[in-house]
Amino acid sequence: MACNAVGRGYVWGVVTLLTLTLMPAVKLTQSQEPCRYVYRSDDAPDGVLASPGFPADYPERQFCTYVLQGKPGERLRLKFNALEIEGAPHESNRPCFFTCHHDYLEVEELNDVDQPVRTLGRYCGNCVPPTLVTSRPRAQLTFVTDETKNYGGFQVEFNFITNDCGGTYRVAGGVLESPGYPGPVPASVFQCEWVLELSSPNNDVSVQFLDMDIAYEDAELQTYQVKHDVTGALVMAEPAKSSDSPDVMETSPDATALIVSFTSKTGRGRFRASWTQFTHVPANGTCEGFLCAVHAGRCIHSALVCNGFPNCGSRDNSDERDCQPPSGGSDNVVVGIVVALVLAVLLLIAAACVGHAYRQRQVDKRGRPLRSTDARSSTRSNRRLKENMKVPTEEGEEEEARGLTDRGQHA
């Protein structure tokens, strides 16, 4: 009996060792927790994750976690190659709509201490989801199964990326551009994913492609719309619907996000698009932002008005219609006035300097110290002046003396 127990333990040990050895591109943590794996970007920039036993059916009662740890400034791209997990059809009976209550694969973003901070999706069924790009350097995949039906499982490729491309956005709108636009895509970039989330269930997202050059075999541009239920499970992943213009893609009323995916393997291809999150306002309702003219009831954020890009949708440029030009005659007039004022100030400064120099010369002429040559000249001048003054004085004295003598004789 003891030998049988030892034999069974040896067999299970070999099976466990083989399972861990054959798991593609994952590493077991030092804690040796069952079915917990950690992969770091310091070890390799990419890899493959898969359910236990893939591509064979996964075992029952599994709880596996795959932790992906990137460095600061990095993000993760998750590409689903295969997905076959138990899931109940959604009540809408739409394709790729599933309710994930039994078995599922959940993707979460983690903070710096590996605590979940945001759920990106919960997946089940047999529809391969679109590629995900995280906004943080760390993420976790959790695979849960019960004791009932088992299927083929999943396989996911992951890449730690450092390029500033893609991400998750939940704002009023903006502009999407291929890296390096309008030039070639840098060699280090080959795929970007923008996830445009709706900030309210009453909103929709519209993407209008303004410039597009992807006529190459190695360049691709796709748009998806997705929907998650209250548990975070992905219940829809399908191409975004085209509006009345082929260059405009919009979400359907039950979507929760729109994904724009751009791929360029050799640096060729480019695109530029404006995207807008808008609200439907009833006929008697109030638009807190800007009410578009052509599309009735479409209300966009006021910050998108006169931003240089159309945000009201196809054939509707009302948000850019009555804007002041960025440059024109009024700007030239202002520049001319400024130049004239500067010249006037310079002329006043020059005039003040000239007047100061003139006054200084006058002061020097009146009060400057006498030089030796000036002193000698002044002495001679004074001597001549004294001589001139002395002559008439002596003659006057003689005349006065004679007068006195004459008056004495007559007396």
Protein backbone atom coordinates (compact mmCIF):
# COMPACT_ATOMS: atom_id res chain seq x y z
CA MET A 1 0.00 0.00 0.00
CA ALA A 2 2.80 2.37 0.89
CA CYS A 3 4.57 1.48 -2.33
CA ASN A 4 1.46 2.27 -4.34
CA ALA A 5 1.17 5.66 -2.62
CA VAL A 6 4.80 6.41 -3.33
CA GLY A 7 4.33 5.35 -6.93
CA ARG A 8 1.30 7.58 -7.40
CA GLY A 9 3.15 10.50 -5.84
CA TYR A 10 6.07 9.93 -8.19
CA VAL A 11 3.76 9.85 -11.22
CA TRP A 12 2.00 13.07 -10.23
CA GLY A 13 5.36 14.71 -9.63
CA VAL A 14 6.52 13.78 -13.12
CA VAL A 15 3.26 15.02 -14.64
CA THR A 16 3.52 18.31 -12.77
CA LEU A 17 7.14 18.76 -13.84
CA LEU A 18 6.29 18.07 -17.47
CA THR A 19 3.33 20.45 -17.35
CA LEU A 20 5.46 23.29 -15.99
CA THR A 21 8.23 22.52 -18.46
CA LEU A 22 5.93 22.50 -21.46
CA MET A 23 4.04 25.68 -20.49
CA PRO A 24 5.11 28.11 -23.19
CA ALA A 25 6.96 31.27 -22.22
CA VAL A 26 6.04 31.40 -18.54
CA LYS A 27 7.98 31.12 -15.30
CA LEU A 28 6.86 29.83 -11.92
CA THR A 29 7.12 32.25 -9.04
CA GLN A 30 9.38 31.57 -6.12
CA SER A 31 6.38 31.12 -3.85
CA GLN A 32 5.57 27.89 -5.73
CA GLU A 33 1.84 28.68 -5.63
CA PRO A 34 -0.22 26.27 -7.75
CA CYS A 35 -0.83 27.59 -11.26
CA ARG A 36 0.61 31.05 -10.69
CA TYR A 37 3.17 32.33 -13.17
CA VAL A 38 5.12 35.56 -13.44
CA TYR A 39 6.81 36.86 -16.57
CA ARG A 40 9.07 39.92 -16.58
CA SER A 41 10.21 42.12 -19.41
CA ASP A 42 13.76 41.89 -18.03
CA ASP A 43 13.74 38.22 -19.09
CA ALA A 44 12.33 38.67 -22.62
CA PRO A 45 10.25 41.28 -24.47
CA ASP A 46 7.57 38.81 -25.61
CA GLY A 47 6.14 35.35 -25.08
CA VAL A 48 3.08 33.09 -25.25
CA LEU A 49 0.58 32.17 -22.54
CA ALA A 50 -1.82 29.25 -22.75
CA SER A 51 -4.34 27.35 -20.67
CA PRO A 52 -3.14 24.14 -19.00
CA GLY A 53 -2.81 21.36 -21.56
CA PHE A 54 -3.45 23.60 -24.56
CA PRO A 55 -4.48 22.74 -27.27
CA ALA A 56 -6.12 19.81 -25.47
CA ASP A 57 -9.13 20.46 -23.23
CA TYR A 58 -8.28 22.27 -20.04
CA PRO A 59 -8.78 20.51 -16.68
CA GLU A 60 -11.67 21.24 -14.35
CA ARG A 61 -11.51 23.31 -11.17
CA GLN A 62 -8.62 25.49 -12.30
CA PHE A 63 -7.61 28.85 -10.91
CA CYS A 64 -4.51 30.05 -12.78
CA THR A 65 -2.97 33.52 -12.74
CA TYR A 66 -0.43 34.86 -15.23
CA VAL A 67 1.28 38.04 -14.01
CA LEU A 68 3.12 40.18 -16.58
CA GLN A 69 5.52 42.72 -15.09
CA GLY A 70 6.95 45.44 -17.31
CA LYS A 71 9.30 48.28 -16.46
CA PRO A 72 8.13 51.89 -15.97
CA GLY A 73 7.25 53.41 -19.33
CA GLU A 74 6.35 50.07 -20.89
CA ARG A 75 2.93 48.73 -21.82
CA LEU A 76 1.53 45.38 -22.81
CA ARG A 77 -0.02 44.23 -26.06
CA LEU A 78 -2.10 41.05 -25.78
CA LYS A 79 -3.01 39.26 -28.99
CA PHE A 80 -5.49 36.37 -28.75
CA ASN A 81 -4.61 33.48 -31.06
CA ALA A 82 -7.26 31.06 -29.81
CA LEU A 83 -10.22 31.11 -27.43
CA GLU A 84 -12.58 28.23 -26.65
CA ILE A 85 -14.00 28.51 -23.14
CA GLU A 86 -17.37 27.43 -21.77
CA GLY A 87 -19.91 30.23 -22.02
CA ALA A 88 -23.68 30.48 -22.18
CA PRO A 89 -25.21 32.24 -25.22
CA HIS A 90 -26.36 35.75 -24.50
CA GLU A 91 -30.10 36.37 -24.36
CA SER A 92 -29.85 38.54 -27.46
CA ASN A 93 -28.65 35.51 -29.51
CA ARG A 94 -26.24 37.77 -31.35
CA PRO A 95 -23.00 36.26 -32.60
CA CYS A 96 -20.09 36.51 -30.17
CA PHE A 97 -22.40 37.37 -27.27
CA PHE A 98 -21.74 35.15 -24.25
CA THR A 99 -22.45 35.13 -20.54
CA CYS A 100 -19.29 34.14 -18.63
CA HIS A 101 -20.54 32.71 -15.34
CA HIS A 102 -18.80 29.30 -15.30
CA ASP A 103 -15.43 29.32 -17.07
CA TYR A 104 -13.71 32.53 -18.13
CA LEU A 105 -10.43 34.33 -18.80
CA GLU A 106 -10.19 37.74 -17.14
CA VAL A 107 -7.66 40.45 -18.01
CA GLU A 108 -6.82 43.16 -15.46
CA GLU A 109 -4.34 46.00 -15.22
CA LEU A 110 -2.18 46.04 -12.08
CA ASN A 111 -0.51 48.80 -10.07
CA ASP A 112 3.12 48.80 -8.95
CA VAL A 113 2.43 46.27 -6.18
CA ASP A 114 0.46 43.91 -8.46
CA GLN A 115 -2.96 44.89 -7.15
CA PRO A 116 -5.79 44.92 -9.76
CA VAL A 117 -6.90 48.46 -10.61
CA ARG A 118 -8.94 47.99 -13.78
CA THR A 119 -10.65 45.14 -15.62
CA LEU A 120 -10.06 45.14 -19.37
CA GLY A 121 -12.38 42.25 -20.11
CA ARG A 122 -13.74 38.84 -19.16
CA TYR A 123 -13.81 36.39 -22.06
CA CYS A 124 -15.53 33.10 -22.83
CA GLY A 125 -17.17 31.40 -25.81
CA ASN A 126 -15.48 30.69 -29.11
CA CYS A 127 -14.96 34.16 -30.63
CA VAL A 128 -11.40 35.45 -30.59
CA PRO A 129 -11.35 38.96 -29.04
CA PRO A 130 -9.45 41.85 -30.62
CA THR A 131 -5.95 42.72 -29.50
CA LEU A 132 -5.66 44.63 -26.22
CA VAL A 133 -3.12 47.30 -25.31
CA THR A 134 -2.78 48.22 -21.65
CA SER A 135 -2.21 51.71 -20.30
CA ARG A 136 0.06 50.38 -17.52
CA PRO A 137 3.24 48.29 -17.52
CA ARG A 138 1.68 45.45 -15.50
CA ALA A 139 -1.26 43.15 -16.14
CA GLN A 140 -2.71 39.87 -14.95
CA LEU A 141 -4.65 37.13 -16.73
CA THR A 142 -6.84 34.94 -14.51
CA PHE A 143 -8.21 31.63 -15.86
CA VAL A 144 -11.07 30.05 -13.89
CA THR A 145 -12.90 26.77 -14.62
CA ASP A 146 -15.56 24.77 -12.80
CA GLU A 147 -16.28 21.06 -12.69
CA THR A 148 -18.52 20.87 -15.75
CA LYS A 149 -17.77 21.28 -19.46
CA ASN A 150 -14.17 21.57 -20.60
CA TYR A 151 -12.93 22.97 -23.92
CA GLY A 152 -9.71 23.79 -25.75
CA GLY A 153 -8.86 26.87 -23.67
CA PHE A 154 -6.87 29.88 -24.85
CA GLN A 155 -3.56 31.02 -26.26
CA VAL A 156 -2.36 34.63 -25.97
CA GLU A 157 0.77 36.28 -27.32
CA PHE A 158 2.11 39.17 -25.27
CA ASN A 159 4.65 41.89 -26.02
CA PHE A 160 6.17 44.52 -23.78
CA ILE A 161 6.15 47.68 -25.87
CA THR A 162 7.87 51.01 -25.23
CA ASN A 163 6.64 53.11 -28.13
CA ASP A 164 4.29 55.98 -27.38
CA CYS A 165 1.48 54.56 -29.43
CA GLY A 166 -2.09 53.63 -28.63
CA GLY A 167 -3.63 53.38 -25.18
CA THR A 168 -7.01 53.65 -23.49
CA TYR A 169 -8.89 56.96 -23.55
CA ARG A 170 -12.09 58.06 -21.86
CA VAL A 171 -12.31 61.74 -22.78
CA ALA A 172 -14.41 63.94 -25.07
CA GLY A 173 -12.34 63.38 -28.20
CA GLY A 174 -9.06 63.99 -29.90
CA VAL A 175 -6.82 63.08 -32.83
CA LEU A 176 -5.30 59.70 -33.68
CA GLU A 177 -2.18 59.47 -35.82
CA SER A 178 0.15 56.73 -36.91
CA PRO A 179 3.57 57.07 -35.24
CA GLY A 180 5.77 59.51 -37.14
CA TYR A 181 2.84 60.91 -39.12
CA PRO A 182 2.99 62.11 -41.88
CA GLY A 183 6.33 60.37 -42.34
CA PRO A 184 7.12 56.67 -42.15
CA VAL A 185 6.42 54.59 -39.07
CA PRO A 186 9.53 54.06 -36.89
CA ALA A 187 11.08 50.63 -37.16
CA SER A 188 10.47 49.90 -33.46
CA VAL A 189 6.69 50.22 -33.91
CA PHE A 190 4.63 47.64 -35.69
CA GLN A 191 1.23 47.67 -33.97
CA CYS A 192 -0.82 50.23 -32.09
CA GLU A 193 -4.20 49.91 -30.39
CA TRP A 194 -6.39 52.80 -29.29
CA VAL A 195 -9.30 51.91 -26.99
CA LEU A 196 -11.88 54.72 -26.99
CA GLU A 197 -14.17 54.10 -24.05
CA LEU A 198 -17.59 55.66 -23.58
CA SER A 199 -17.79 57.79 -20.45
CA SER A 200 -21.59 57.35 -20.28
CA PRO A 201 -24.05 54.68 -21.47
CA ASN A 202 -25.91 57.41 -23.38
CA ASN A 203 -22.84 58.33 -25.46
CA ASP A 204 -21.45 57.04 -28.72
CA VAL A 205 -18.04 57.33 -30.38
CA SER A 206 -17.39 58.45 -33.93
CA VAL A 207 -14.04 58.15 -35.76
CA GLN A 208 -13.53 60.12 -38.96
CA PHE A 209 -10.45 59.21 -41.04
CA LEU A 210 -8.97 62.38 -42.52
CA ASP A 211 -5.92 60.87 -44.23
CA MET A 212 -5.25 57.22 -44.94
CA ASP A 213 -2.56 55.40 -46.91
CA ILE A 214 -2.55 51.69 -46.09
CA ALA A 215 -2.48 50.17 -49.58
CA TYR A 216 0.26 47.74 -48.61
CA GLU A 217 0.25 44.08 -47.69
CA ASP A 218 2.13 44.76 -44.48
CA ALA A 219 -0.09 47.65 -43.32
CA GLU A 220 -3.54 47.27 -41.81
CA LEU A 221 -6.08 49.57 -40.20
CA GLN A 222 -9.15 48.13 -38.43
CA THR A 223 -11.91 49.37 -36.13
CA TYR A 224 -13.84 47.22 -33.66
CA GLN A 225 -16.68 47.96 -31.30
CA VAL A 226 -16.92 46.04 -28.05
CA LYS A 227 -19.38 45.67 -25.21
CA HIS A 228 -18.92 44.45 -21.64
CA ASP A 229 -21.65 43.48 -19.21
CA VAL A 230 -21.86 44.54 -15.57
CA THR A 231 -19.41 41.82 -14.54
CA GLY A 232 -16.81 43.04 -17.02
CA ALA A 233 -17.34 40.14 -19.40
CA LEU A 234 -16.90 40.84 -23.10
CA VAL A 235 -20.21 40.12 -24.79
CA MET A 236 -19.53 41.67 -28.19
CA ALA A 237 -16.55 42.15 -30.46
CA GLU A 238 -17.35 43.03 -34.06
CA PRO A 239 -16.28 45.54 -36.72
CA ALA A 240 -17.57 49.03 -36.12
CA LYS A 241 -20.48 50.04 -38.29
CA SER A 242 -19.92 52.53 -41.08
CA SER A 243 -22.10 55.62 -41.19
CA ASP A 244 -23.31 57.21 -44.41
CA SER A 245 -19.66 57.95 -45.25
CA PRO A 246 -17.06 55.18 -45.71
CA ASP A 247 -14.47 57.26 -43.85
CA VAL A 248 -16.55 57.51 -40.66
CA MET A 249 -16.99 54.66 -38.17
CA GLU A 250 -19.40 54.82 -35.24
CA THR A 251 -20.44 52.62 -32.35
CA SER A 252 -23.87 51.06 -32.09
CA PRO A 253 -26.08 52.02 -29.12
CA ASP A 254 -25.14 48.95 -27.03
CA ALA A 255 -21.36 49.26 -27.42
CA THR A 256 -19.07 50.35 -24.59
CA ALA A 257 -15.89 51.13 -26.53
CA LEU A 258 -14.41 51.43 -29.99
CA ILE A 259 -10.96 50.07 -30.81
CA VAL A 260 -8.73 51.36 -33.61
CA SER A 261 -5.93 48.95 -34.55
CA PHE A 262 -3.03 49.95 -36.81
CA THR A 263 -0.31 47.56 -37.99
CA SER A 264 2.81 48.33 -40.03
CA LYS A 265 5.58 45.73 -40.21
CA THR A 266 8.00 47.58 -42.52
CA GLY A 267 7.30 51.22 -41.70
CA ARG A 268 4.91 51.80 -44.59
CA GLY A 269 1.39 53.12 -44.26
CA ARG A 270 -0.01 56.07 -42.35
CA PHE A 271 -3.31 57.54 -41.18
CA ARG A 272 -4.83 60.45 -39.34
CA ALA A 273 -8.28 60.54 -37.76
CA SER A 274 -10.36 62.68 -35.45
CA TRP A 275 -12.54 60.96 -32.90
CA THR A 276 -15.44 62.30 -30.91
CA GLN A 277 -17.59 61.15 -28.04
CA PHE A 278 -21.07 62.60 -28.49
CA THR A 279 -24.42 62.57 -26.73
CA HIS A 280 -27.89 62.20 -28.23
CA VAL A 281 -30.10 65.11 -27.15
CA PRO A 282 -33.89 64.90 -27.64
CA ALA A 283 -35.78 67.57 -29.54
CA ASN A 284 -36.65 69.55 -26.42
CA GLY A 285 -33.44 68.69 -24.58
CA THR A 286 -30.48 70.89 -23.73
CA CYS A 287 -26.99 70.49 -25.11
CA GLU A 288 -24.37 71.53 -22.58
CA GLY A 289 -21.72 71.79 -25.30
CA PHE A 290 -22.12 72.35 -29.05
CA LEU A 291 -25.15 71.13 -30.99
CA CYS A 292 -24.17 69.93 -34.46
CA ALA A 293 -26.14 71.29 -37.40
CA VAL A 294 -26.49 68.36 -39.81
CA HIS A 295 -26.85 65.45 -37.40
CA ALA A 296 -29.94 66.29 -35.39
CA GLY A 297 -29.53 65.99 -31.63
CA ARG A 298 -25.79 65.32 -31.73
CA CYS A 299 -24.09 67.21 -28.90
CA ILE A 300 -20.28 67.37 -28.61
CA HIS A 301 -18.02 68.88 -25.98
CA SER A 302 -17.37 72.61 -26.38
CA ALA A 303 -13.60 72.01 -26.22
CA LEU A 304 -13.81 70.30 -29.63
CA VAL A 305 -15.26 73.37 -31.36
CA CYS A 306 -12.79 75.25 -33.59
CA ASN A 307 -9.95 72.83 -32.83
CA GLY A 308 -9.02 72.48 -36.49
CA PHE A 309 -10.64 69.06 -36.97
CA PRO A 310 -14.23 68.06 -37.83
CA ASN A 311 -15.98 66.46 -34.87
CA CYS A 312 -19.67 66.45 -35.83
CA GLY A 313 -19.51 63.49 -38.22
CA SER A 314 -19.74 62.94 -41.95
CA ARG A 315 -20.63 65.95 -44.11
CA ASP A 316 -21.04 68.13 -41.02
CA ASN A 317 -18.41 70.82 -40.52
CA SER A 318 -20.57 73.08 -38.38
CA ASP A 319 -18.18 72.89 -35.42
CA GLU A 320 -15.45 74.46 -37.59
CA ARG A 321 -17.59 76.80 -39.67
CA ASP A 322 -17.62 80.14 -37.80
CA CYS A 323 -14.12 80.05 -36.38
CA GLN A 324 -11.62 82.89 -36.48
CA PRO A 325 -8.72 82.14 -38.82
CA PRO A 326 -5.46 81.33 -37.07
CA SER A 327 -3.74 84.14 -39.01
CA GLY A 328 -4.87 87.02 -41.24
CA GLY A 329 -5.09 90.80 -41.79
CA SER A 330 -5.91 91.61 -38.18
CA ASP A 331 -2.76 89.86 -37.06
CA ASN A 332 -0.72 91.88 -39.56
CA VAL A 333 -2.19 95.12 -38.23
CA VAL A 334 -1.29 94.17 -34.69
CA VAL A 335 2.25 93.31 -35.74
CA GLY A 336 2.55 96.66 -37.54
CA ILE A 337 1.39 98.58 -34.49
CA VAL A 338 3.84 96.77 -32.26
CA VAL A 339 6.72 97.49 -34.66
CA ALA A 340 5.76 101.19 -34.85
CA LEU A 341 5.67 101.47 -31.07
CA VAL A 342 9.08 99.86 -30.76
CA LEU A 343 10.55 102.26 -33.33
CA ALA A 344 8.99 105.25 -31.56
CA VAL A 345 10.51 104.19 -28.25
CA LEU A 346 13.93 103.77 -29.88
CA LEU A 347 13.68 107.24 -31.44
CA LEU A 348 12.77 108.79 -28.08
CA ILE A 349 15.72 107.08 -26.45
CA ALA A 350 18.06 108.32 -29.20
CA ALA A 351 16.74 111.89 -28.91
CA ALA A 352 17.19 111.82 -25.14
CA CYS A 353 20.78 110.64 -25.54
CA VAL A 354 21.57 113.42 -28.06
CA GLY A 355 20.05 116.11 -25.83
CA HIS A 356 21.97 114.86 -22.83
CA ALA A 357 25.25 114.96 -24.77
CA TYR A 358 24.55 118.54 -25.96
CA ARG A 359 23.80 119.79 -22.46
CA GLN A 360 26.93 118.14 -21.15
CA ARG A 361 29.06 119.96 -23.72
CA GLN A 362 27.52 123.30 -22.72
CA VAL A 363 28.31 122.64 -19.09
CA ASP A 364 31.89 121.77 -19.99
CA LYS A 365 32.26 125.07 -21.85
CA ARG A 366 31.04 127.17 -18.90
CA GLY A 367 32.54 125.43 -15.93
CA ARG A 368 35.47 123.32 -17.01
CA PRO A 369 38.92 123.93 -15.29
CA LEU A 370 41.40 126.28 -17.10
CA ARG A 371 44.38 124.69 -18.76
CA SER A 372 47.89 126.28 -18.51
CA THR A 373 47.66 127.87 -21.96
CA ASP A 374 44.29 129.35 -21.08
CA ALA A 375 45.75 130.74 -17.84
CA ARG A 376 48.59 132.54 -19.61
CA SER A 377 46.18 133.99 -22.15
CA SER A 378 43.91 135.18 -19.38
CA THR A 379 46.82 136.89 -17.54
CA ARG A 380 47.82 138.86 -20.62
CA SER A 381 44.22 139.91 -21.17
CA ASN A 382 43.86 141.13 -17.61
CA ARG A 383 47.10 143.09 -17.82
CA ARG A 384 45.95 144.91 -20.95
CA LEU A 385 42.61 145.64 -19.33
CA LYS A 386 44.27 147.17 -16.29
CA GLU A 387 46.51 149.36 -18.47
CA ASN A 388 43.55 150.63 -20.41
CA MET A 389 41.70 151.45 -17.21
CA LYS A 390 44.76 153.22 -15.63
CA VAL A 391 45.46 155.83 -18.43
CA PRO A 392 42.17 157.70 -18.27
CA THR A 393 42.42 157.79 -14.51
CA GLU A 394 45.80 159.70 -14.47
CA GLU A 395 44.56 162.23 -17.03
CA GLY A 396 41.53 162.90 -14.94
CA GLU A 397 43.66 163.50 -11.87
CA GLU A 398 45.85 166.08 -13.73
CA GLU A 399 42.81 167.91 -15.04
CA GLU A 400 41.32 167.96 -11.57
CA ALA A 401 44.64 169.38 -10.17
CA ARG A 402 44.80 172.12 -12.75
CA GLY A 403 41.24 173.02 -12.02
CA LEU A 404 42.00 173.46 -8.36
CA THR A 405 45.02 175.65 -9.14
CA ASP A 406 43.00 177.92 -11.35
CA ARG A 407 40.27 178.31 -8.75
CA GLY A 408 42.93 179.23 -6.16
CA GLN A 409 44.44 181.96 -8.30
CA HIS A 410 41.12 183.60 -9.01
CA ALA A 411 40.33 183.66 -5.37
